[in-house]
PDB file of all heavy atoms in Angstrom:
ATOM      1  N   ASP A   1      16.953  10.599  21.576  1.00  0.00           N
ATOM      2  CA  ASP A   1      16.280  10.928  22.814  1.00  0.00           C
ATOM      3  C   ASP A   1      14.953  10.165  22.911  1.00  0.00           C
ATOM      4  O   ASP A   1      14.083  10.296  22.043  1.00  0.00           O
ATOM      5  CB  ASP A   1      15.975  12.462  22.856  1.00  0.00           C
ATOM      6  CG  ASP A   1      15.424  12.863  24.196  1.00  0.00           C
ATOM      7  OD1 ASP A   1      15.134  12.031  25.054  1.00  0.00           O
ATOM      8  OD2 ASP A   1      15.298  14.112  24.425  1.00  0.00           O
ATOM      9  N   PRO A   2      14.740   9.315  23.934  1.00  0.00           N
ATOM     10  CA  PRO A   2      13.513   8.560  24.039  1.00  0.00           C
ATOM     11  C   PRO A   2      12.357   9.374  24.593  1.00  0.00           C
ATOM     12  O   PRO A   2      11.204   8.870  24.658  1.00  0.00           O
ATOM     13  CB  PRO A   2      13.885   7.424  25.025  1.00  0.00           C
ATOM     14  CG  PRO A   2      14.935   8.007  25.864  1.00  0.00           C
ATOM     15  CD  PRO A   2      15.718   8.967  24.990  1.00  0.00           C
ATOM     16  N   GLY A   3      12.566  10.624  24.982  1.00  0.00           N
ATOM     17  CA  GLY A   3      11.474  11.429  25.498  1.00  0.00           C
ATOM     18  C   GLY A   3      11.606  11.638  26.999  1.00  0.00           C
ATOM     19  O   GLY A   3      12.281  10.899  27.711  1.00  0.00           O
ATOM     20  N   THR A   4      10.834  12.645  27.478  1.00  0.00           N
ATOM     21  CA  THR A   4      10.920  13.026  28.894  1.00  0.00           C
ATOM     22  C   THR A   4      10.435  11.918  29.812  1.00  0.00           C
ATOM     23  O   THR A   4      10.955  11.743  30.899  1.00  0.00           O
ATOM     24  CB  THR A   4      10.051  14.276  29.124  1.00  0.00           C
ATOM     25  OG1 THR A   4      10.506  15.316  28.258  1.00  0.00           O
ATOM     26  CG2 THR A   4      10.178  14.745  30.548  1.00  0.00           C
ATOM     27  N   MET A   5       9.445  11.140  29.387  1.00  0.00           N
ATOM     28  CA  MET A   5       8.913  10.077  30.232  1.00  0.00           C
ATOM     29  C   MET A   5      10.014   9.085  30.609  1.00  0.00           C
ATOM     30  O   MET A   5       9.963   8.450  31.661  1.00  0.00           O
ATOM     31  CB  MET A   5       7.753   9.384  29.538  1.00  0.00           C
ATOM     32  CG  MET A   5       6.510  10.193  29.432  1.00  0.00           C
ATOM     33  SD  MET A   5       5.145   9.263  28.668  1.00  0.00           S
ATOM     34  CE  MET A   5       4.830   8.091  29.981  1.00  0.00           C
ATOM     35  N   THR A   6      10.994   8.906  29.726  1.00  0.00           N
ATOM     36  CA  THR A   6      12.082   7.973  30.017  1.00  0.00           C
ATOM     37  C   THR A   6      13.266   8.689  30.655  1.00  0.00           C
ATOM     38  O   THR A   6      13.805   8.242  31.676  1.00  0.00           O
ATOM     39  CB  THR A   6      12.546   7.272  28.722  1.00  0.00           C
ATOM     40  OG1 THR A   6      11.470   6.524  28.201  1.00  0.00           O
ATOM     41  CG2 THR A   6      13.738   6.368  28.992  1.00  0.00           C
ATOM     42  N   THR A   7      13.708   9.823  30.084  1.00  0.00           N
ATOM     43  CA  THR A   7      14.871  10.499  30.638  1.00  0.00           C
ATOM     44  C   THR A   7      14.652  11.023  32.038  1.00  0.00           C
ATOM     45  O   THR A   7      15.564  11.035  32.852  1.00  0.00           O
ATOM     46  CB  THR A   7      15.267  11.685  29.705  1.00  0.00           C
ATOM     47  OG1 THR A   7      14.173  12.549  29.562  1.00  0.00           O
ATOM     48  CG2 THR A   7      15.727  11.183  28.349  1.00  0.00           C
ATOM     49  N   PHE A   8      13.406  11.459  32.333  1.00  0.00           N
ATOM     50  CA  PHE A   8      13.105  11.902  33.714  1.00  0.00           C
ATOM     51  C   PHE A   8      12.528  10.742  34.532  1.00  0.00           C
ATOM     52  O   PHE A   8      12.884  10.530  35.676  1.00  0.00           O
ATOM     53  CB  PHE A   8      12.064  13.067  33.675  1.00  0.00           C
ATOM     54  CG  PHE A   8      11.764  13.601  35.061  1.00  0.00           C
ATOM     55  CD1 PHE A   8      12.469  14.685  35.554  1.00  0.00           C
ATOM     56  CD2 PHE A   8      10.770  13.040  35.830  1.00  0.00           C
ATOM     57  CE1 PHE A   8      12.155  15.192  36.778  1.00  0.00           C
ATOM     58  CE2 PHE A   8      10.475  13.535  37.072  1.00  0.00           C
ATOM     59  CZ  PHE A   8      11.172  14.615  37.544  1.00  0.00           C
ATOM     60  N   GLY A   9      11.650   9.930  33.904  1.00  0.00           N
ATOM     61  CA  GLY A   9      10.914   8.918  34.636  1.00  0.00           C
ATOM     62  C   GLY A   9      11.813   7.777  35.097  1.00  0.00           C
ATOM     63  O   GLY A   9      11.625   7.237  36.213  1.00  0.00           O
ATOM     64  N   LEU A  10      12.779   7.345  34.275  1.00  0.00           N
ATOM     65  CA  LEU A  10      13.589   6.202  34.689  1.00  0.00           C
ATOM     66  C   LEU A  10      14.398   6.478  35.946  1.00  0.00           C
ATOM     67  O   LEU A  10      14.322   5.710  36.892  1.00  0.00           O
ATOM     68  CB  LEU A  10      14.475   5.742  33.518  1.00  0.00           C
ATOM     69  CG  LEU A  10      15.215   4.423  33.703  1.00  0.00           C
ATOM     70  CD1 LEU A  10      15.381   3.711  32.360  1.00  0.00           C
ATOM     71  CD2 LEU A  10      16.518   4.614  34.389  1.00  0.00           C
ATOM     72  N   PRO A  11      15.175   7.560  36.006  1.00  0.00           N
ATOM     73  CA  PRO A  11      15.916   7.814  37.250  1.00  0.00           C
ATOM     74  C   PRO A  11      15.026   8.153  38.432  1.00  0.00           C
ATOM     75  O   PRO A  11      15.324   7.761  39.563  1.00  0.00           O
ATOM     76  CB  PRO A  11      16.814   9.013  36.894  1.00  0.00           C
ATOM     77  CG  PRO A  11      16.183   9.639  35.700  1.00  0.00           C
ATOM     78  CD  PRO A  11      15.535   8.526  34.941  1.00  0.00           C
ATOM     79  N   ALA A  12      13.859   8.792  38.150  1.00  0.00           N
ATOM     80  CA  ALA A  12      12.934   9.088  39.231  1.00  0.00           C
ATOM     81  C   ALA A  12      12.385   7.784  39.831  1.00  0.00           C
ATOM     82  O   ALA A  12      12.297   7.654  41.061  1.00  0.00           O
ATOM     83  CB  ALA A  12      11.785   9.988  38.694  1.00  0.00           C
ATOM     84  N   LEU A  13      11.999   6.847  38.960  1.00  0.00           N
ATOM     85  CA  LEU A  13      11.477   5.594  39.482  1.00  0.00           C
ATOM     86  C   LEU A  13      12.543   4.765  40.143  1.00  0.00           C
ATOM     87  O   LEU A  13      12.331   4.061  41.128  1.00  0.00           O
ATOM     88  CB  LEU A  13      10.853   4.778  38.345  1.00  0.00           C
ATOM     89  CG  LEU A  13       9.411   5.060  38.012  1.00  0.00           C
ATOM     90  CD1 LEU A  13       8.871   4.162  36.894  1.00  0.00           C
ATOM     91  CD2 LEU A  13       8.524   4.851  39.256  1.00  0.00           C
ATOM     92  N   ARG A  14      13.782   4.811  39.615  1.00  0.00           N
ATOM     93  CA  ARG A  14      14.871   4.097  40.248  1.00  0.00           C
ATOM     94  C   ARG A  14      15.125   4.638  41.638  1.00  0.00           C
ATOM     95  O   ARG A  14      15.334   3.854  42.595  1.00  0.00           O
ATOM     96  CB  ARG A  14      16.136   4.197  39.356  1.00  0.00           C
ATOM     97  CG  ARG A  14      17.281   3.307  39.858  1.00  0.00           C
ATOM     98  CD  ARG A  14      18.513   3.465  38.970  1.00  0.00           C
ATOM     99  NE  ARG A  14      19.600   2.640  39.461  1.00  0.00           N
ATOM    100  CZ  ARG A  14      19.940   1.453  39.026  1.00  0.00           C
ATOM    101  NH1 ARG A  14      19.258   0.907  38.025  1.00  0.00           N
ATOM    102  NH2 ARG A  14      20.963   0.796  39.566  1.00  0.00           N
ATOM    103  N   ALA A  15      15.106   5.938  41.789  1.00  0.00           N
ATOM    104  CA  ALA A  15      15.313   6.538  43.106  1.00  0.00           C
ATOM    105  C   ALA A  15      14.170   6.140  44.068  1.00  0.00           C
ATOM    106  O   ALA A  15      14.364   5.842  45.237  1.00  0.00           O
ATOM    107  CB  ALA A  15      15.392   8.048  43.011  1.00  0.00           C
ATOM    108  N   THR A  16      12.946   6.113  43.520  1.00  0.00           N
ATOM    109  CA  THR A  16      11.786   5.668  44.312  1.00  0.00           C
ATOM    110  C   THR A  16      11.970   4.228  44.762  1.00  0.00           C
ATOM    111  O   THR A  16      11.673   3.862  45.905  1.00  0.00           O
ATOM    112  CB  THR A  16      10.519   5.825  43.532  1.00  0.00           C
ATOM    113  OG1 THR A  16      10.371   7.199  43.112  1.00  0.00           O
ATOM    114  CG2 THR A  16       9.324   5.401  44.310  1.00  0.00           C
ATOM    115  N   ALA A  17      12.479   3.371  43.861  1.00  0.00           N
ATOM    116  CA  ALA A  17      12.706   2.011  44.206  1.00  0.00           C
ATOM    117  C   ALA A  17      13.739   1.842  45.307  1.00  0.00           C
ATOM    118  O   ALA A  17      13.589   1.061  46.253  1.00  0.00           O
ATOM    119  CB  ALA A  17      13.146   1.196  42.947  1.00  0.00           C
ATOM    120  N   TRP A  18      14.799   2.633  45.229  1.00  0.00           N
ATOM    121  CA  TRP A  18      15.824   2.573  46.260  1.00  0.00           C
ATOM    122  C   TRP A  18      15.244   2.974  47.592  1.00  0.00           C
ATOM    123  O   TRP A  18      15.587   2.349  48.617  1.00  0.00           O
ATOM    124  CB  TRP A  18      17.021   3.471  45.906  1.00  0.00           C
ATOM    125  CG  TRP A  18      17.984   2.906  44.922  1.00  0.00           C
ATOM    126  CD1 TRP A  18      18.403   3.440  43.739  1.00  0.00           C
ATOM    127  CD2 TRP A  18      18.714   1.656  45.034  1.00  0.00           C
ATOM    128  NE1 TRP A  18      19.284   2.643  43.131  1.00  0.00           N
ATOM    129  CE2 TRP A  18      19.529   1.568  43.872  1.00  0.00           C
ATOM    130  CE3 TRP A  18      18.751   0.670  46.006  1.00  0.00           C
ATOM    131  CZ2 TRP A  18      20.362   0.460  43.687  1.00  0.00           C
ATOM    132  CZ3 TRP A  18      19.581  -0.409  45.786  1.00  0.00           C
ATOM    133  CH2 TRP A  18      20.399  -0.507  44.640  1.00  0.00           C
ATOM    134  N   LEU A  19      14.454   4.039  47.610  1.00  0.00           N
ATOM    135  CA  LEU A  19      13.921   4.523  48.872  1.00  0.00           C
ATOM    136  C   LEU A  19      12.921   3.499  49.460  1.00  0.00           C
ATOM    137  O   LEU A  19      12.876   3.267  50.669  1.00  0.00           O
ATOM    138  CB  LEU A  19      13.271   5.895  48.670  1.00  0.00           C
ATOM    139  CG  LEU A  19      13.473   6.842  49.843  1.00  0.00           C
ATOM    140  CD1 LEU A  19      14.922   7.083  50.126  1.00  0.00           C
ATOM    141  CD2 LEU A  19      12.747   8.172  49.597  1.00  0.00           C
ATOM    142  N   CYS A  20      12.110   2.898  48.582  1.00  0.00           N
ATOM    143  CA  CYS A  20      11.178   1.885  49.067  1.00  0.00           C
ATOM    144  C   CYS A  20      11.925   0.673  49.582  1.00  0.00           C
ATOM    145  O   CYS A  20      11.550   0.067  50.584  1.00  0.00           O
ATOM    146  CB  CYS A  20      10.217   1.486  47.948  1.00  0.00           C
ATOM    147  SG  CYS A  20       8.984   2.763  47.521  1.00  0.00           S
ATOM    148  N   ALA A  21      13.021   0.304  48.901  1.00  0.00           N
ATOM    149  CA  ALA A  21      13.830  -0.857  49.359  1.00  0.00           C
ATOM    150  C   ALA A  21      14.431  -0.514  50.701  1.00  0.00           C
ATOM    151  O   ALA A  21      14.562  -1.379  51.601  1.00  0.00           O
ATOM    152  CB  ALA A  21      14.892  -1.174  48.320  1.00  0.00           C
ATOM    153  N   ALA A  22      14.891   0.734  50.880  1.00  0.00           N
ATOM    154  CA  ALA A  22      15.409   1.150  52.167  1.00  0.00           C
ATOM    155  C   ALA A  22      14.382   1.114  53.262  1.00  0.00           C
ATOM    156  O   ALA A  22      14.639   0.657  54.386  1.00  0.00           O
ATOM    157  CB  ALA A  22      15.992   2.590  52.070  1.00  0.00           C
ATOM    158  N   LEU A  23      13.179   1.575  52.957  1.00  0.00           N
ATOM    159  CA  LEU A  23      12.103   1.533  53.944  1.00  0.00           C
ATOM    160  C   LEU A  23      11.777   0.115  54.329  1.00  0.00           C
ATOM    161  O   LEU A  23      11.550  -0.179  55.533  1.00  0.00           O
ATOM    162  CB  LEU A  23      10.871   2.227  53.352  1.00  0.00           C
ATOM    163  CG  LEU A  23       9.625   2.269  54.294  1.00  0.00           C
ATOM    164  CD1 LEU A  23       9.953   2.952  55.597  1.00  0.00           C
ATOM    165  CD2 LEU A  23       8.446   2.943  53.576  1.00  0.00           C
ATOM    166  N   ALA A  24      11.804  -0.828  53.377  1.00  0.00           N
ATOM    167  CA  ALA A  24      11.546  -2.243  53.698  1.00  0.00           C
ATOM    168  C   ALA A  24      12.642  -2.806  54.578  1.00  0.00           C
ATOM    169  O   ALA A  24      12.311  -3.367  55.647  1.00  0.00           O
ATOM    170  CB  ALA A  24      11.462  -3.028  52.398  1.00  0.00           C
ATOM    171  N   ALA A  25      13.892  -2.643  54.208  1.00  0.00           N
ATOM    172  CA  ALA A  25      14.991  -3.215  54.988  1.00  0.00           C
ATOM    173  C   ALA A  25      15.033  -2.540  56.382  1.00  0.00           C
ATOM    174  O   ALA A  25      15.189  -3.235  57.424  1.00  0.00           O
ATOM    175  CB  ALA A  25      16.301  -3.014  54.269  1.00  0.00           C
ATOM    176  N   GLY A  26      14.879  -1.226  56.415  1.00  0.00           N
ATOM    177  CA  GLY A  26      14.953  -0.525  57.714  1.00  0.00           C
ATOM    178  C   GLY A  26      13.813  -0.845  58.635  1.00  0.00           C
ATOM    179  O   GLY A  26      14.007  -0.953  59.844  1.00  0.00           O
ATOM    180  N   SER A  27      12.623  -1.060  58.068  1.00  0.00           N
ATOM    181  CA  SER A  27      11.472  -1.430  58.907  1.00  0.00           C
ATOM    182  C   SER A  27      11.615  -2.819  59.451  1.00  0.00           C
ATOM    183  O   SER A  27      11.246  -3.093  60.611  1.00  0.00           O
ATOM    184  CB  SER A  27      10.202  -1.306  58.094  1.00  0.00           C
ATOM    185  OG  SER A  27       9.949   0.024  57.712  1.00  0.00           O
ATOM    186  N   PHE A  28      12.171  -3.749  58.652  1.00  0.00           N
ATOM    187  CA  PHE A  28      12.425  -5.098  59.185  1.00  0.00           C
ATOM    188  C   PHE A  28      13.509  -5.065  60.282  1.00  0.00           C
ATOM    189  O   PHE A  28      13.411  -5.779  61.243  1.00  0.00           O
ATOM    190  CB  PHE A  28      12.841  -6.042  58.039  1.00  0.00           C
ATOM    191  CG  PHE A  28      11.732  -6.458  57.166  1.00  0.00           C
ATOM    192  CD1 PHE A  28      11.863  -6.433  55.768  1.00  0.00           C
ATOM    193  CD2 PHE A  28      10.514  -6.896  57.649  1.00  0.00           C
ATOM    194  CE1 PHE A  28      10.842  -6.813  54.925  1.00  0.00           C
ATOM    195  CE2 PHE A  28       9.450  -7.279  56.835  1.00  0.00           C
ATOM    196  CZ  PHE A  28       9.658  -7.218  55.448  1.00  0.00           C
ATOM    197  N   LEU A  29      14.568  -4.240  60.043  1.00  0.00           N
ATOM    198  CA  LEU A  29      15.575  -4.111  61.076  1.00  0.00           C
ATOM    199  C   LEU A  29      14.957  -3.549  62.351  1.00  0.00           C
ATOM    200  O   LEU A  29      15.279  -4.005  63.476  1.00  0.00           O
ATOM    201  CB  LEU A  29      16.693  -3.164  60.548  1.00  0.00           C
ATOM    202  CG  LEU A  29      17.807  -2.865  61.561  1.00  0.00           C
ATOM    203  CD1 LEU A  29      18.646  -4.077  61.826  1.00  0.00           C
ATOM    204  CD2 LEU A  29      18.656  -1.705  61.058  1.00  0.00           C
ATOM    205  N   PHE A  30      14.051  -2.598  62.170  1.00  0.00           N
ATOM    206  CA  PHE A  30      13.362  -1.966  63.346  1.00  0.00           C
ATOM    207  C   PHE A  30      12.588  -2.956  64.109  1.00  0.00           C
ATOM    208  O   PHE A  30      12.680  -3.102  65.331  1.00  0.00           O
ATOM    209  CB  PHE A  30      12.535  -0.826  62.856  1.00  0.00           C
ATOM    210  CG  PHE A  30      11.735  -0.108  63.890  1.00  0.00           C
ATOM    211  CD1 PHE A  30      12.325   0.890  64.643  1.00  0.00           C
ATOM    212  CD2 PHE A  30      10.420  -0.467  64.169  1.00  0.00           C
ATOM    213  CE1 PHE A  30      11.580   1.548  65.644  1.00  0.00           C
ATOM    214  CE2 PHE A  30       9.712   0.163  65.166  1.00  0.00           C
ATOM    215  CZ  PHE A  30      10.292   1.169  65.917  1.00  0.00           C
ATOM    216  N   SER A  31      11.743  -3.727  63.420  1.00  0.00           N
ATOM    217  CA  SER A  31      10.844  -4.673  64.087  1.00  0.00           C
ATOM    218  C   SER A  31      11.567  -5.887  64.665  1.00  0.00           C
ATOM    219  O   SER A  31      11.128  -6.527  65.615  1.00  0.00           O
ATOM    220  CB  SER A  31       9.741  -5.167  63.120  1.00  0.00           C
ATOM    221  OG  SER A  31      10.308  -5.812  62.001  1.00  0.00           O
ATOM    222  N   ALA A  32      12.779  -6.179  64.118  1.00  0.00           N
ATOM    223  CA  ALA A  32      13.537  -7.332  64.578  1.00  0.00           C
ATOM    224  C   ALA A  32      14.483  -6.999  65.689  1.00  0.00           C
ATOM    225  O   ALA A  32      14.586  -7.751  66.671  1.00  0.00           O
ATOM    226  CB  ALA A  32      14.326  -7.947  63.425  1.00  0.00           C
ATOM    227  N   PHE A  33      15.160  -5.843  65.641  1.00  0.00           N
ATOM    228  CA  PHE A  33      16.263  -5.605  66.546  1.00  0.00           C
ATOM    229  C   PHE A  33      16.246  -4.250  67.290  1.00  0.00           C
ATOM    230  O   PHE A  33      17.009  -4.079  68.238  1.00  0.00           O
ATOM    231  CB  PHE A  33      17.634  -5.679  65.808  1.00  0.00           C
ATOM    232  CG  PHE A  33      17.853  -7.052  65.218  1.00  0.00           C
ATOM    233  CD1 PHE A  33      17.902  -7.262  63.862  1.00  0.00           C
ATOM    234  CD2 PHE A  33      18.057  -8.117  66.071  1.00  0.00           C
ATOM    235  CE1 PHE A  33      18.151  -8.491  63.298  1.00  0.00           C
ATOM    236  CE2 PHE A  33      18.291  -9.390  65.568  1.00  0.00           C
ATOM    237  CZ  PHE A  33      18.342  -9.590  64.168  1.00  0.00           C
ATOM    238  N   LEU A  34      15.364  -3.312  66.879  1.00  0.00           N
ATOM    239  CA  LEU A  34      15.357  -2.014  67.550  1.00  0.00           C
ATOM    240  C   LEU A  34      14.332  -1.933  68.672  1.00  0.00           C
ATOM    241  O   LEU A  34      14.509  -1.158  69.614  1.00  0.00           O
ATOM    242  CB  LEU A  34      15.185  -0.875  66.526  1.00  0.00           C
ATOM    243  CG  LEU A  34      16.308  -0.760  65.486  1.00  0.00           C
ATOM    244  CD1 LEU A  34      16.114   0.547  64.674  1.00  0.00           C
ATOM    245  CD2 LEU A  34      17.670  -0.758  66.091  1.00  0.00           C
ATOM    246  N   ILE A  35      13.224  -2.626  68.532  1.00  0.00           N
ATOM    247  CA  ILE A  35      12.255  -2.656  69.591  1.00  0.00           C
ATOM    248  C   ILE A  35      11.943  -4.129  69.965  1.00  0.00           C
ATOM    249  O   ILE A  35      12.019  -4.992  69.111  1.00  0.00           O
ATOM    250  CB  ILE A  35      10.918  -1.923  69.207  1.00  0.00           C
ATOM    251  CG1 ILE A  35      10.271  -2.602  67.990  1.00  0.00           C
ATOM    252  CG2 ILE A  35      11.179  -0.449  68.961  1.00  0.00           C
ATOM    253  CD1 ILE A  35       8.866  -2.105  67.683  1.00  0.00           C
ATOM    254  N   PRO A  36      11.623  -4.389  71.219  1.00  0.00           N
ATOM    255  CA  PRO A  36      11.388  -5.791  71.637  1.00  0.00           C
ATOM    256  C   PRO A  36       9.985  -6.262  71.243  1.00  0.00           C
ATOM    257  O   PRO A  36       9.037  -5.479  71.205  1.00  0.00           O
ATOM    258  CB  PRO A  36      11.547  -5.733  73.148  1.00  0.00           C
ATOM    259  CG  PRO A  36      11.138  -4.315  73.501  1.00  0.00           C
ATOM    260  CD  PRO A  36      11.591  -3.435  72.350  1.00  0.00           C
ATOM    261  N   PRO A  37       9.856  -7.549  70.967  1.00  0.00           N
ATOM    262  CA  PRO A  37       8.523  -8.133  70.719  1.00  0.00           C
ATOM    263  C   PRO A  37       7.859  -8.503  72.052  1.00  0.00           C
ATOM    264  O   PRO A  37       8.425  -8.268  73.138  1.00  0.00           O
ATOM    265  CB  PRO A  37       8.836  -9.366  69.882  1.00  0.00           C
ATOM    266  CG  PRO A  37      10.190  -9.820  70.411  1.00  0.00           C
ATOM    267  CD  PRO A  37      10.924  -8.563  70.790  1.00  0.00           C
ATOM    268  N   ARG A  38       6.683  -9.091  71.955  1.00  0.00           N
ATOM    269  CA  ARG A  38       6.012  -9.580  73.159  1.00  0.00           C
ATOM    270  C   ARG A  38       6.473 -11.017  73.395  1.00  0.00           C
ATOM    271  O   ARG A  38       6.188 -11.915  72.665  1.00  0.00           O
ATOM    272  CB  ARG A  38       4.499  -9.549  72.953  1.00  0.00           C
ATOM    273  CG  ARG A  38       3.931  -8.129  72.815  1.00  0.00           C
ATOM    274  CD  ARG A  38       2.444  -8.148  72.590  1.00  0.00           C
ATOM    275  NE  ARG A  38       2.110  -8.839  71.326  1.00  0.00           N
ATOM    276  CZ  ARG A  38       0.867  -9.164  70.968  1.00  0.00           C
ATOM    277  NH1 ARG A  38      -0.119  -8.881  71.767  1.00  0.00           N
ATOM    278  NH2 ARG A  38       0.642  -9.770  69.817  1.00  0.00           N
ATOM    279  N   ARG A  39       7.145 -11.220  74.543  1.00  0.00           N
ATOM    280  CA  ARG A  39       7.708 -12.538  74.852  1.00  0.00           C
ATOM    281  C   ARG A  39       6.783 -13.288  75.761  1.00  0.00           C
ATOM    282  O   ARG A  39       6.070 -12.730  76.581  1.00  0.00           O
ATOM    283  CB  ARG A  39       9.080 -12.360  75.493  1.00  0.00           C
ATOM    284  CG  ARG A  39      10.196 -11.973  74.596  1.00  0.00           C
ATOM    285  CD  ARG A  39      11.552 -12.072  75.290  1.00  0.00           C
ATOM    286  NE  ARG A  39      11.673 -11.042  76.315  1.00  0.00           N
ATOM    287  CZ  ARG A  39      12.178 -11.265  77.548  1.00  0.00           C
ATOM    288  NH1 ARG A  39      12.472 -12.461  77.928  1.00  0.00           N
ATOM    289  NH2 ARG A  39      12.292 -10.251  78.381  1.00  0.00           N
ATOM    290  N   THR A  40       6.838 -14.636  75.629  1.00  0.00           N
ATOM    291  CA  THR A  40       6.072 -15.503  76.503  1.00  0.00           C
ATOM    292  C   THR A  40       6.996 -16.396  77.332  1.00  0.00           C
ATOM    293  O   THR A  40       6.534 -17.136  78.178  1.00  0.00           O
ATOM    294  CB  THR A  40       5.090 -16.364  75.731  1.00  0.00           C
ATOM    295  OG1 THR A  40       5.856 -17.142  74.729  1.00  0.00           O
ATOM    296  CG2 THR A  40       4.064 -15.516  75.007  1.00  0.00           C
ATOM    297  N   GLY A  41       8.312 -16.350  77.052  1.00  0.00           N
ATOM    298  CA  GLY A  41       9.261 -17.214  77.743  1.00  0.00           C
ATOM    299  C   GLY A  41      10.579 -16.487  77.942  1.00  0.00           C
ATOM    300  O   GLY A  41      10.680 -15.287  77.889  1.00  0.00           O
ATOM    301  N   ASP A  42      11.636 -17.309  78.162  1.00  0.00           N
ATOM    302  CA  ASP A  42      12.967 -16.757  78.419  1.00  0.00           C
ATOM    303  C   ASP A  42      13.683 -16.272  77.144  1.00  0.00           C
ATOM    304  O   ASP A  42      14.642 -15.516  77.234  1.00  0.00           O
ATOM    305  CB  ASP A  42      13.846 -17.774  79.134  1.00  0.00           C
ATOM    306  CG  ASP A  42      13.327 -18.114  80.524  1.00  0.00           C
ATOM    307  OD1 ASP A  42      12.643 -17.261  81.112  1.00  0.00           O
ATOM    308  OD2 ASP A  42      13.580 -19.268  80.961  1.00  0.00           O
ATOM    309  N   ASP A  43      13.208 -16.759  75.999  1.00  0.00           N
ATOM    310  CA  ASP A  43      13.841 -16.336  74.750  1.00  0.00           C
ATOM    311  C   ASP A  43      12.827 -15.821  73.776  1.00  0.00           C
ATOM    312  O   ASP A  43      11.651 -15.573  74.165  1.00  0.00           O
ATOM    313  CB  ASP A  43      14.671 -17.500  74.133  1.00  0.00           C
ATOM    314  CG  ASP A  43      13.812 -18.682  73.852  1.00  0.00           C
ATOM    315  OD1 ASP A  43      12.573 -18.545  73.644  1.00  0.00           O
ATOM    316  OD2 ASP A  43      14.350 -19.828  73.817  1.00  0.00           O
ATOM    317  N   LEU A  44      13.203 -15.662  72.532  1.00  0.00           N
ATOM    318  CA  LEU A  44      12.362 -15.055  71.517  1.00  0.00           C
ATOM    319  C   LEU A  44      11.653 -16.067  70.594  1.00  0.00           C
ATOM    320  O   LEU A  44      10.977 -15.631  69.678  1.00  0.00           O
ATOM    321  CB  LEU A  44      13.167 -14.031  70.663  1.00  0.00           C
ATOM    322  CG  LEU A  44      13.766 -12.907  71.458  1.00  0.00           C
ATOM    323  CD1 LEU A  44      14.774 -12.139  70.626  1.00  0.00           C
ATOM    324  CD2 LEU A  44      12.697 -11.983  71.968  1.00  0.00           C
ATOM    325  N   ASN A  45      11.840 -17.321  70.865  1.00  0.00           N
ATOM    326  CA  ASN A  45      11.186 -18.346  70.066  1.00  0.00           C
ATOM    327  C   ASN A  45       9.681 -18.338  70.420  1.00  0.00           C
ATOM    328  O   ASN A  45       9.313 -18.468  71.587  1.00  0.00           O
ATOM    329  CB  ASN A  45      11.776 -19.719  70.313  1.00  0.00           C
ATOM    330  CG  ASN A  45      13.181 -19.801  69.804  1.00  0.00           C
ATOM    331  OD1 ASN A  45      13.431 -19.694  68.615  1.00  0.00           O
ATOM    332  ND2 ASN A  45      14.165 -20.007  70.698  1.00  0.00           N
TER     333      ASN A  45
END
């Protein structure tokens, strides 16, 4: 047994990493495709 810091901490940190990764991907999806940006022309360039 490596101790509680590892047996509890490793899966807890891994879950935190997954949720942070989800927040990153979801926020980029949100800013890119769920709400419109400020356009100056006919397209998004």
